[in-house]
Structures are given as structure tokens and as C-alpha cells.
Amino acid sequence: LNEKIKILSFQSAEERLMFYLSQRNGEIRFKSLS
């Protein structure tokens, strides 16, 4: 929940993606882009 709140605090899509990457040691594995 704290991570979701932090993601929502970023204004731009790029900031959100970069934060998400930083929290996962620079690598994201996902089921789908959606």
C-alpha cells in the first residue's frame, strides 16, 4: 500500500516507471503490459 501511495505521488509516467524499476533493482518482470 505504501508503494502504491508513493507511485501515485509522482506526477509523470516516467517518474512512476523509474521508481518502480528502482524498487526492483532495475528489472521488472510482468504478465502483460496492461
PDB file of all heavy atoms in Angstrom:
ATOM      1  N   LEU A   1       0.837  -1.209   0.000  1.00  0.00           N
ATOM      2  CA  LEU A   1       0.000   0.000   0.000  1.00  0.00           C
ATOM      3  C   LEU A   1       0.869   1.255   0.000  1.00  0.00           C
ATOM      4  O   LEU A   1       0.597   2.211  -0.736  1.00  0.00           O
ATOM      5  CB  LEU A   1      -0.933  -0.009   1.209  1.00  0.00           C
ATOM      6  CG  LEU A   1      -1.956   1.107   1.291  1.00  0.00           C
ATOM      7  CD1 LEU A   1      -2.875   1.107   0.077  1.00  0.00           C
ATOM      8  CD2 LEU A   1      -2.768   0.970   2.565  1.00  0.00           C
ATOM      9  N   ASN A   2       1.931   1.251   0.799  1.00  0.00           N
ATOM     10  CA  ASN A   2       2.846   2.401   0.824  1.00  0.00           C
ATOM     11  C   ASN A   2       3.486   2.624  -0.537  1.00  0.00           C
ATOM     12  O   ASN A   2       3.650   3.767  -0.975  1.00  0.00           O
ATOM     13  CB  ASN A   2       3.927   2.211   1.888  1.00  0.00           C
ATOM     14  CG  ASN A   2       3.403   2.452   3.279  1.00  0.00           C
ATOM     15  OD1 ASN A   2       2.395   3.126   3.469  1.00  0.00           O
ATOM     16  ND2 ASN A   2       4.064   1.898   4.267  1.00  0.00           N
ATOM     17  N   GLU A   3       3.840   1.529  -1.218  1.00  0.00           N
ATOM     18  CA  GLU A   3       4.427   1.658  -2.556  1.00  0.00           C
ATOM     19  C   GLU A   3       3.416   2.278  -3.525  1.00  0.00           C
ATOM     20  O   GLU A   3       3.763   3.154  -4.316  1.00  0.00           O
ATOM     21  CB  GLU A   3       4.903   0.307  -3.083  1.00  0.00           C
ATOM     22  CG  GLU A   3       5.560   0.429  -4.448  1.00  0.00           C
ATOM     23  CD  GLU A   3       6.013  -0.891  -5.016  1.00  0.00           C
ATOM     24  OE1 GLU A   3       5.156  -1.781  -5.226  1.00  0.00           O
ATOM     25  OE2 GLU A   3       7.217  -1.026  -5.268  1.00  0.00           O
ATOM     26  N   LYS A   4       2.172   1.843  -3.446  1.00  0.00           N
ATOM     27  CA  LYS A   4       1.135   2.399  -4.323  1.00  0.00           C
ATOM     28  C   LYS A   4       0.948   3.893  -4.073  1.00  0.00           C
ATOM     29  O   LYS A   4       0.816   4.679  -5.011  1.00  0.00           O
ATOM     30  CB  LYS A   4      -0.191   1.659  -4.123  1.00  0.00           C
ATOM     31  CG  LYS A   4      -0.200   0.273  -4.704  1.00  0.00           C
ATOM     32  CD  LYS A   4      -1.506  -0.443  -4.427  1.00  0.00           C
ATOM     33  CE  LYS A   4      -1.460  -1.859  -4.965  1.00  0.00           C
ATOM     34  NZ  LYS A   4      -2.686  -2.608  -4.707  1.00  0.00           N
ATOM     35  N   ILE A   5       0.941   4.285  -2.810  1.00  0.00           N
ATOM     36  CA  ILE A   5       0.790   5.700  -2.472  1.00  0.00           C
ATOM     37  C   ILE A   5       1.963   6.500  -3.027  1.00  0.00           C
ATOM     38  O   ILE A   5       1.784   7.581  -3.589  1.00  0.00           O
ATOM     39  CB  ILE A   5       0.656   5.883  -0.943  1.00  0.00           C
ATOM     40  CG1 ILE A   5      -0.677   5.305  -0.459  1.00  0.00           C
ATOM     41  CG2 ILE A   5       0.793   7.352  -0.555  1.00  0.00           C
ATOM     42  CD1 ILE A   5      -0.792   5.153   1.045  1.00  0.00           C
ATOM     43  N   LYS A   6       3.171   5.948  -2.892  1.00  0.00           N
ATOM     44  CA  LYS A   6       4.349   6.646  -3.407  1.00  0.00           C
ATOM     45  C   LYS A   6       4.280   6.762  -4.929  1.00  0.00           C
ATOM     46  O   LYS A   6       4.583   7.813  -5.487  1.00  0.00           O
ATOM     47  CB  LYS A   6       5.625   5.930  -2.972  1.00  0.00           C
ATOM     48  CG  LYS A   6       6.857   6.764  -3.200  1.00  0.00           C
ATOM     49  CD  LYS A   6       7.983   6.363  -2.296  1.00  0.00           C
ATOM     50  CE  LYS A   6       9.102   7.372  -2.430  1.00  0.00           C
ATOM     51  NZ  LYS A   6      10.215   7.070  -1.579  1.00  0.00           N
ATOM     52  N   ILE A   7       3.886   5.698  -5.620  1.00  0.00           N
ATOM     53  CA  ILE A   7       3.755   5.736  -7.080  1.00  0.00           C
ATOM     54  C   ILE A   7       2.780   6.833  -7.486  1.00  0.00           C
ATOM     55  O   ILE A   7       3.044   7.611  -8.408  1.00  0.00           O
ATOM     56  CB  ILE A   7       3.303   4.363  -7.633  1.00  0.00           C
ATOM     57  CG1 ILE A   7       4.459   3.362  -7.555  1.00  0.00           C
ATOM     58  CG2 ILE A   7       2.804   4.479  -9.076  1.00  0.00           C
ATOM     59  CD1 ILE A   7       4.064   1.941  -7.819  1.00  0.00           C
ATOM     60  N   LEU A   8       1.661   6.909  -6.787  1.00  0.00           N
ATOM     61  CA  LEU A   8       0.650   7.928  -7.116  1.00  0.00           C
ATOM     62  C   LEU A   8       1.136   9.339  -6.820  1.00  0.00           C
ATOM     63  O   LEU A   8       0.611  10.303  -7.381  1.00  0.00           O
ATOM     64  CB  LEU A   8      -0.640   7.642  -6.348  1.00  0.00           C
ATOM     65  CG  LEU A   8      -1.455   6.467  -6.876  1.00  0.00           C
ATOM     66  CD1 LEU A   8      -2.557   6.088  -5.899  1.00  0.00           C
ATOM     67  CD2 LEU A   8      -2.050   6.794  -8.243  1.00  0.00           C
ATOM     68  N   SER A   9       2.142   9.473  -5.963  1.00  0.00           N
ATOM     69  CA  SER A   9       2.649  10.807  -5.636  1.00  0.00           C
ATOM     70  C   SER A   9       3.505  11.389  -6.763  1.00  0.00           C
ATOM     71  O   SER A   9       3.704  12.594  -6.833  1.00  0.00           O
ATOM     72  CB  SER A   9       3.457  10.789  -4.334  1.00  0.00           C
ATOM     73  OG  SER A   9       4.700  10.150  -4.518  1.00  0.00           O
ATOM     74  N   PHE A  10       3.992  10.532  -7.654  1.00  0.00           N
ATOM     75  CA  PHE A  10       4.783  11.012  -8.785  1.00  0.00           C
ATOM     76  C   PHE A  10       3.864  11.540  -9.871  1.00  0.00           C
ATOM     77  O   PHE A  10       2.880  10.893 -10.243  1.00  0.00           O
ATOM     78  CB  PHE A  10       5.674   9.899  -9.346  1.00  0.00           C
ATOM     79  CG  PHE A  10       6.762   9.471  -8.403  1.00  0.00           C
ATOM     80  CD1 PHE A  10       6.766   8.201  -7.845  1.00  0.00           C
ATOM     81  CD2 PHE A  10       7.791  10.343  -8.060  1.00  0.00           C
ATOM     82  CE1 PHE A  10       7.761   7.803  -6.975  1.00  0.00           C
ATOM     83  CE2 PHE A  10       8.797   9.955  -7.193  1.00  0.00           C
ATOM     84  CZ  PHE A  10       8.781   8.686  -6.651  1.00  0.00           C
ATOM     85  N   GLN A  11       4.175  12.715 -10.401  1.00  0.00           N
ATOM     86  CA  GLN A  11       3.320  13.360 -11.397  1.00  0.00           C
ATOM     87  C   GLN A  11       3.421  12.712 -12.772  1.00  0.00           C
ATOM     88  O   GLN A  11       2.417  12.519 -13.440  1.00  0.00           O
ATOM     89  CB  GLN A  11       3.678  14.850 -11.513  1.00  0.00           C
ATOM     90  CG  GLN A  11       3.414  15.638 -10.254  1.00  0.00           C
ATOM     91  CD  GLN A  11       1.946  15.678  -9.891  1.00  0.00           C
ATOM     92  OE1 GLN A  11       1.103  15.876 -10.749  1.00  0.00           O
ATOM     93  NE2 GLN A  11       1.634  15.471  -8.629  1.00  0.00           N
ATOM     94  N   SER A  12       4.644  12.379 -13.199  1.00  0.00           N
ATOM     95  CA  SER A  12       4.808  11.905 -14.577  1.00  0.00           C
ATOM     96  C   SER A  12       4.875  10.380 -14.648  1.00  0.00           C
ATOM     97  O   SER A  12       5.277   9.705 -13.687  1.00  0.00           O
ATOM     98  CB  SER A  12       6.072  12.496 -15.202  1.00  0.00           C
ATOM     99  OG  SER A  12       7.230  11.872 -14.689  1.00  0.00           O
ATOM    100  N   ALA A  13       4.522   9.858 -15.811  1.00  0.00           N
ATOM    101  CA  ALA A  13       4.590   8.423 -16.065  1.00  0.00           C
ATOM    102  C   ALA A  13       6.029   7.932 -15.960  1.00  0.00           C
ATOM    103  O   ALA A  13       6.298   6.852 -15.431  1.00  0.00           O
ATOM    104  CB  ALA A  13       4.019   8.116 -17.446  1.00  0.00           C
ATOM    105  N   GLU A  14       6.967   8.749 -16.447  1.00  0.00           N
ATOM    106  CA  GLU A  14       8.376   8.361 -16.395  1.00  0.00           C
ATOM    107  C   GLU A  14       8.860   8.227 -14.956  1.00  0.00           C
ATOM    108  O   GLU A  14       9.556   7.270 -14.608  1.00  0.00           O
ATOM    109  CB  GLU A  14       9.242   9.375 -17.141  1.00  0.00           C
ATOM    110  CG  GLU A  14      10.688   8.967 -17.228  1.00  0.00           C
ATOM    111  CD  GLU A  14      11.527   9.886 -18.107  1.00  0.00           C
ATOM    112  OE1 GLU A  14      10.993  10.476 -19.063  1.00  0.00           O
ATOM    113  OE2 GLU A  14      12.738  10.000 -17.812  1.00  0.00           O
ATOM    114  N   GLU A  15       8.482   9.158 -14.080  1.00  0.00           N
ATOM    115  CA  GLU A  15       8.869   9.071 -12.670  1.00  0.00           C
ATOM    116  C   GLU A  15       8.304   7.801 -12.027  1.00  0.00           C
ATOM    117  O   GLU A  15       8.993   7.136 -11.247  1.00  0.00           O
ATOM    118  CB  GLU A  15       8.361  10.291 -11.903  1.00  0.00           C
ATOM    119  CG  GLU A  15       9.092  11.579 -12.184  1.00  0.00           C
ATOM    120  CD  GLU A  15       8.468  12.750 -11.457  1.00  0.00           C
ATOM    121  OE1 GLU A  15       7.222  12.915 -11.506  1.00  0.00           O
ATOM    122  OE2 GLU A  15       9.228  13.513 -10.830  1.00  0.00           O
ATOM    123  N   ARG A  16       7.072   7.468 -12.361  1.00  0.00           N
ATOM    124  CA  ARG A  16       6.453   6.265 -11.804  1.00  0.00           C
ATOM    125  C   ARG A  16       7.206   5.015 -12.242  1.00  0.00           C
ATOM    126  O   ARG A  16       7.506   4.137 -11.427  1.00  0.00           O
ATOM    127  CB  ARG A  16       4.986   6.170 -12.230  1.00  0.00           C
ATOM    128  CG  ARG A  16       4.105   7.204 -11.569  1.00  0.00           C
ATOM    129  CD  ARG A  16       2.668   7.078 -12.000  1.00  0.00           C
ATOM    130  NE  ARG A  16       1.883   8.178 -11.434  1.00  0.00           N
ATOM    131  CZ  ARG A  16       0.575   8.258 -11.501  1.00  0.00           C
ATOM    132  NH1 ARG A  16      -0.129   7.320 -12.118  1.00  0.00           N
ATOM    133  NH2 ARG A  16      -0.060   9.275 -10.955  1.00  0.00           N
ATOM    134  N   LEU A  17       7.500   4.930 -13.537  1.00  0.00           N
ATOM    135  CA  LEU A  17       8.209   3.758 -14.046  1.00  0.00           C
ATOM    136  C   LEU A  17       9.607   3.659 -13.448  1.00  0.00           C
ATOM    137  O   LEU A  17      10.032   2.577 -13.025  1.00  0.00           O
ATOM    138  CB  LEU A  17       8.285   3.801 -15.575  1.00  0.00           C
ATOM    139  CG  LEU A  17       9.063   2.656 -16.230  1.00  0.00           C
ATOM    140  CD1 LEU A  17       8.432   1.304 -15.907  1.00  0.00           C
ATOM    141  CD2 LEU A  17       9.141   2.861 -17.738  1.00  0.00           C
ATOM    142  N   MET A  18      10.320   4.755 -13.389  1.00  0.00           N
ATOM    143  CA  MET A  18      11.687   4.735 -12.851  1.00  0.00           C
ATOM    144  C   MET A  18      11.693   4.372 -11.362  1.00  0.00           C
ATOM    145  O   MET A  18      12.567   3.634 -10.895  1.00  0.00           O
ATOM    146  CB  MET A  18      12.384   6.076 -13.080  1.00  0.00           C
ATOM    147  CG  MET A  18      12.709   6.323 -14.531  1.00  0.00           C
ATOM    148  SD  MET A  18      13.675   4.951 -15.202  1.00  0.00           S
ATOM    149  CE  MET A  18      13.911   5.509 -16.860  1.00  0.00           C
ATOM    150  N   PHE A  19      10.728   4.862 -10.602  1.00  0.00           N
ATOM    151  CA  PHE A  19      10.627   4.488  -9.191  1.00  0.00           C
ATOM    152  C   PHE A  19      10.371   2.988  -9.071  1.00  0.00           C
ATOM    153  O   PHE A  19      11.010   2.293  -8.275  1.00  0.00           O
ATOM    154  CB  PHE A  19       9.506   5.270  -8.499  1.00  0.00           C
ATOM    155  CG  PHE A  19       9.175   4.741  -7.127  1.00  0.00           C
ATOM    156  CD1 PHE A  19      10.024   4.982  -6.056  1.00  0.00           C
ATOM    157  CD2 PHE A  19       8.031   3.982  -6.917  1.00  0.00           C
ATOM    158  CE1 PHE A  19       9.742   4.472  -4.790  1.00  0.00           C
ATOM    159  CE2 PHE A  19       7.739   3.474  -5.656  1.00  0.00           C
ATOM    160  CZ  PHE A  19       8.598   3.719  -4.591  1.00  0.00           C
ATOM    161  N   TYR A  20       9.431   2.482  -9.865  1.00  0.00           N
ATOM    162  CA  TYR A  20       9.074   1.062  -9.836  1.00  0.00           C
ATOM    163  C   TYR A  20      10.296   0.204 -10.170  1.00  0.00           C
ATOM    164  O   TYR A  20      10.551  -0.813  -9.521  1.00  0.00           O
ATOM    165  CB  TYR A  20       7.937   0.820 -10.820  1.00  0.00           C
ATOM    166  CG  TYR A  20       7.102  -0.403 -10.558  1.00  0.00           C
ATOM    167  CD1 TYR A  20       6.189  -0.445  -9.510  1.00  0.00           C
ATOM    168  CD2 TYR A  20       7.197  -1.515 -11.385  1.00  0.00           C
ATOM    169  CE1 TYR A  20       5.402  -1.566  -9.285  1.00  0.00           C
ATOM    170  CE2 TYR A  20       6.417  -2.642 -11.176  1.00  0.00           C
ATOM    171  CZ  TYR A  20       5.527  -2.666 -10.126  1.00  0.00           C
ATOM    172  OH  TYR A  20       4.750  -3.775  -9.903  1.00  0.00           O
ATOM    173  N   LEU A  21      11.065   0.635 -11.176  1.00  0.00           N
ATOM    174  CA  LEU A  21      12.295  -0.074 -11.538  1.00  0.00           C
ATOM    175  C   LEU A  21      13.310  -0.033 -10.390  1.00  0.00           C
ATOM    176  O   LEU A  21      13.934  -1.045 -10.074  1.00  0.00           O
ATOM    177  CB  LEU A  21      12.903   0.545 -12.803  1.00  0.00           C
ATOM    178  CG  LEU A  21      12.380   0.017 -14.133  1.00  0.00           C
ATOM    179  CD1 LEU A  21      12.697   0.986 -15.260  1.00  0.00           C
ATOM    180  CD2 LEU A  21      12.938  -1.369 -14.418  1.00  0.00           C
ATOM    181  N   SER A  22      13.453   1.131  -9.762  1.00  0.00           N
ATOM    182  CA  SER A  22      14.430   1.268  -8.679  1.00  0.00           C
ATOM    183  C   SER A  22      14.077   0.370  -7.489  1.00  0.00           C
ATOM    184  O   SER A  22      14.967  -0.135  -6.804  1.00  0.00           O
ATOM    185  CB  SER A  22      14.547   2.725  -8.226  1.00  0.00           C
ATOM    186  OG  SER A  22      13.400   3.118  -7.486  1.00  0.00           O
ATOM    187  N   GLN A  23      12.789   0.150  -7.252  1.00  0.00           N
ATOM    188  CA  GLN A  23      12.355  -0.700  -6.142  1.00  0.00           C
ATOM    189  C   GLN A  23      12.570  -2.186  -6.434  1.00  0.00           C
ATOM    190  O   GLN A  23      12.478  -3.018  -5.541  1.00  0.00           O
ATOM    191  CB  GLN A  23      10.871  -0.448  -5.831  1.00  0.00           C
ATOM    192  CG  GLN A  23      10.590   0.951  -5.325  1.00  0.00           C
ATOM    193  CD  GLN A  23      11.314   1.239  -4.031  1.00  0.00           C
ATOM    194  OE1 GLN A  23      11.072   0.609  -3.025  1.00  0.00           O
ATOM    195  NE2 GLN A  23      12.224   2.200  -4.062  1.00  0.00           N
ATOM    196  N   ARG A  24      12.865  -2.501  -7.712  1.00  0.00           N
ATOM    197  CA  ARG A  24      13.058  -3.888  -8.137  1.00  0.00           C
ATOM    198  C   ARG A  24      14.447  -4.108  -8.722  1.00  0.00           C
ATOM    199  O   ARG A  24      14.623  -4.897  -9.644  1.00  0.00           O
ATOM    200  CB  ARG A  24      11.972  -4.267  -9.136  1.00  0.00           C
ATOM    201  CG  ARG A  24      10.639  -4.456  -8.433  1.00  0.00           C
ATOM    202  CD  ARG A  24       9.438  -4.235  -9.318  1.00  0.00           C
ATOM    203  NE  ARG A  24       8.222  -4.389  -8.539  1.00  0.00           N
ATOM    204  CZ  ARG A  24       7.758  -3.466  -7.687  1.00  0.00           C
ATOM    205  NH1 ARG A  24       8.391  -2.324  -7.516  1.00  0.00           N
ATOM    206  NH2 ARG A  24       6.648  -3.671  -6.995  1.00  0.00           N
ATOM    207  N   ASN A  25      15.409  -3.371  -8.189  1.00  0.00           N
ATOM    208  CA  ASN A  25      16.813  -3.498  -8.603  1.00  0.00           C
ATOM    209  C   ASN A  25      17.013  -3.360 -10.109  1.00  0.00           C
ATOM    210  O   ASN A  25      17.834  -4.054 -10.705  1.00  0.00           O
ATOM    211  CB  ASN A  25      17.407  -4.830  -8.113  1.00  0.00           C
ATOM    212  CG  ASN A  25      17.428  -4.913  -6.610  1.00  0.00           C
ATOM    213  OD1 ASN A  25      17.767  -3.937  -5.932  1.00  0.00           O
ATOM    214  ND2 ASN A  25      17.043  -6.051  -6.071  1.00  0.00           N
ATOM    215  N   GLY A  26      16.210  -2.480 -10.730  1.00  0.00           N
ATOM    216  CA  GLY A  26      16.398  -2.162 -12.143  1.00  0.00           C
ATOM    217  C   GLY A  26      15.814  -3.163 -13.119  1.00  0.00           C
ATOM    218  O   GLY A  26      16.092  -3.095 -14.325  1.00  0.00           O
ATOM    219  N   GLU A  27      14.985  -4.088 -12.638  1.00  0.00           N
ATOM    220  CA  GLU A  27      14.396  -5.085 -13.540  1.00  0.00           C
ATOM    221  C   GLU A  27      12.955  -5.389 -13.144  1.00  0.00           C
ATOM    222  O   GLU A  27      12.660  -5.666 -11.980  1.00  0.00           O
ATOM    223  CB  GLU A  27      15.212  -6.380 -13.516  1.00  0.00           C
ATOM    224  CG  GLU A  27      14.684  -7.426 -14.457  1.00  0.00           C
ATOM    225  CD  GLU A  27      15.555  -8.675 -14.504  1.00  0.00           C
ATOM    226  OE1 GLU A  27      16.710  -8.633 -14.035  1.00  0.00           O
ATOM    227  OE2 GLU A  27      15.060  -9.698 -14.998  1.00  0.00           O
ATOM    228  N   ILE A  28      12.079  -5.331 -14.139  1.00  0.00           N
ATOM    229  CA  ILE A  28      10.666  -5.661 -13.908  1.00  0.00           C
ATOM    230  C   ILE A  28      10.302  -6.840 -14.809  1.00  0.00           C
ATOM    231  O   ILE A  28      10.540  -6.811 -16.016  1.00  0.00           O
ATOM    232  CB  ILE A  28       9.735  -4.480 -14.258  1.00  0.00           C
ATOM    233  CG1 ILE A  28      10.111  -3.221 -13.476  1.00  0.00           C
ATOM    234  CG2 ILE A  28       8.280  -4.862 -14.006  1.00  0.00           C
ATOM    235  CD1 ILE A  28       9.364  -1.977 -13.958  1.00  0.00           C
ATOM    236  N   ARG A  29       9.711  -7.858 -14.205  1.00  0.00           N
ATOM    237  CA  ARG A  29       9.111  -8.967 -14.964  1.00  0.00           C
ATOM    238  C   ARG A  29       7.608  -8.855 -14.748  1.00  0.00           C
ATOM    239  O   ARG A  29       7.159  -8.633 -13.637  1.00  0.00           O
ATOM    240  CB  ARG A  29       9.616 -10.311 -14.465  1.00  0.00           C
ATOM    241  CG  ARG A  29      11.094 -10.508 -14.725  1.00  0.00           C
ATOM    242  CD  ARG A  29      11.579 -11.852 -14.196  1.00  0.00           C
ATOM    243  NE  ARG A  29      13.004 -11.984 -14.331  1.00  0.00           N
ATOM    244  CZ  ARG A  29      13.604 -12.511 -15.393  1.00  0.00           C
ATOM    245  NH1 ARG A  29      12.877 -12.952 -16.402  1.00  0.00           N
ATOM    246  NH2 ARG A  29      14.916 -12.602 -15.440  1.00  0.00           N
ATOM    247  N   PHE A  30       6.834  -9.007 -15.827  1.00  0.00           N
ATOM    248  CA  PHE A  30       5.389  -8.790 -15.730  1.00  0.00           C
ATOM    249  C   PHE A  30       4.630  -9.759 -16.616  1.00  0.00           C
ATOM    250  O   PHE A  30       5.184 -10.327 -17.560  1.00  0.00           O
ATOM    251  CB  PHE A  30       5.042  -7.339 -16.084  1.00  0.00           C
ATOM    252  CG  PHE A  30       5.639  -6.877 -17.389  1.00  0.00           C
ATOM    253  CD1 PHE A  30       4.948  -7.022 -18.575  1.00  0.00           C
ATOM    254  CD2 PHE A  30       6.901  -6.307 -17.418  1.00  0.00           C
ATOM    255  CE1 PHE A  30       5.497  -6.612 -19.769  1.00  0.00           C
ATOM    256  CE2 PHE A  30       7.462  -5.887 -18.607  1.00  0.00           C
ATOM    257  CZ  PHE A  30       6.758  -6.041 -19.797  1.00  0.00           C
ATOM    258  N   LYS A  31       3.348  -9.971 -16.285  1.00  0.00           N
ATOM    259  CA  LYS A  31       2.487 -10.872 -17.051  1.00  0.00           C
ATOM    260  C   LYS A  31       2.106 -10.262 -18.391  1.00  0.00           C
ATOM    261  O   LYS A  31       2.091 -10.923 -19.403  1.00  0.00           O
ATOM    262  CB  LYS A  31       1.216 -11.210 -16.261  1.00  0.00           C
ATOM    263  CG  LYS A  31       1.444 -12.080 -15.061  1.00  0.00           C
ATOM    264  CD  LYS A  31       0.128 -12.486 -14.434  1.00  0.00           C
ATOM    265  CE  LYS A  31      -0.175 -11.550 -13.294  1.00  0.00           C
ATOM    266  NZ  LYS A  31      -1.379 -11.854 -12.566  1.00  0.00           N
ATOM    267  N   SER A  32       1.754  -8.968 -18.348  1.00  0.00           N
ATOM    268  CA  SER A  32       1.367  -8.250 -19.565  1.00  0.00           C
ATOM    269  C   SER A  32       1.633  -6.768 -19.337  1.00  0.00           C
ATOM    270  O   SER A  32       1.712  -6.311 -18.195  1.00  0.00           O
ATOM    271  CB  SER A  32      -0.114  -8.486 -19.887  1.00  0.00           C
ATOM    272  OG  SER A  32      -0.922  -7.837 -18.928  1.00  0.00           O
ATOM    273  N   LEU A  33       1.753  -6.034 -20.427  1.00  0.00           N
ATOM    274  CA  LEU A  33       1.968  -4.600 -20.314  1.00  0.00           C
ATOM    275  C   LEU A  33       0.757  -3.940 -19.650  1.00  0.00           C
ATOM    276  O   LEU A  33       0.895  -2.985 -18.899  1.00  0.00           O
ATOM    277  CB  LEU A  33       2.245  -3.995 -21.696  1.00  0.00           C
ATOM    278  CG  LEU A  33       3.053  -2.707 -21.711  1.00  0.00           C
ATOM    279  CD1 LEU A  33       4.371  -2.856 -20.984  1.00  0.00           C
ATOM    280  CD2 LEU A  33       3.293  -2.244 -23.126  1.00  0.00           C
ATOM    281  N   SER A  34      -0.418  -4.496 -19.905  1.00  0.00           N
ATOM    282  CA  SER A  34      -1.644  -3.963 -19.279  1.00  0.00           C
ATOM    283  C   SER A  34      -1.589  -4.111 -17.759  1.00  0.00           C
ATOM    284  O   SER A  34      -1.960  -3.192 -17.027  1.00  0.00           O
ATOM    285  CB  SER A  34      -2.883  -4.679 -19.817  1.00  0.00           C
ATOM    286  OG  SER A  34      -3.053  -4.399 -21.181  1.00  0.00           O
TER     287      SER A  34
END
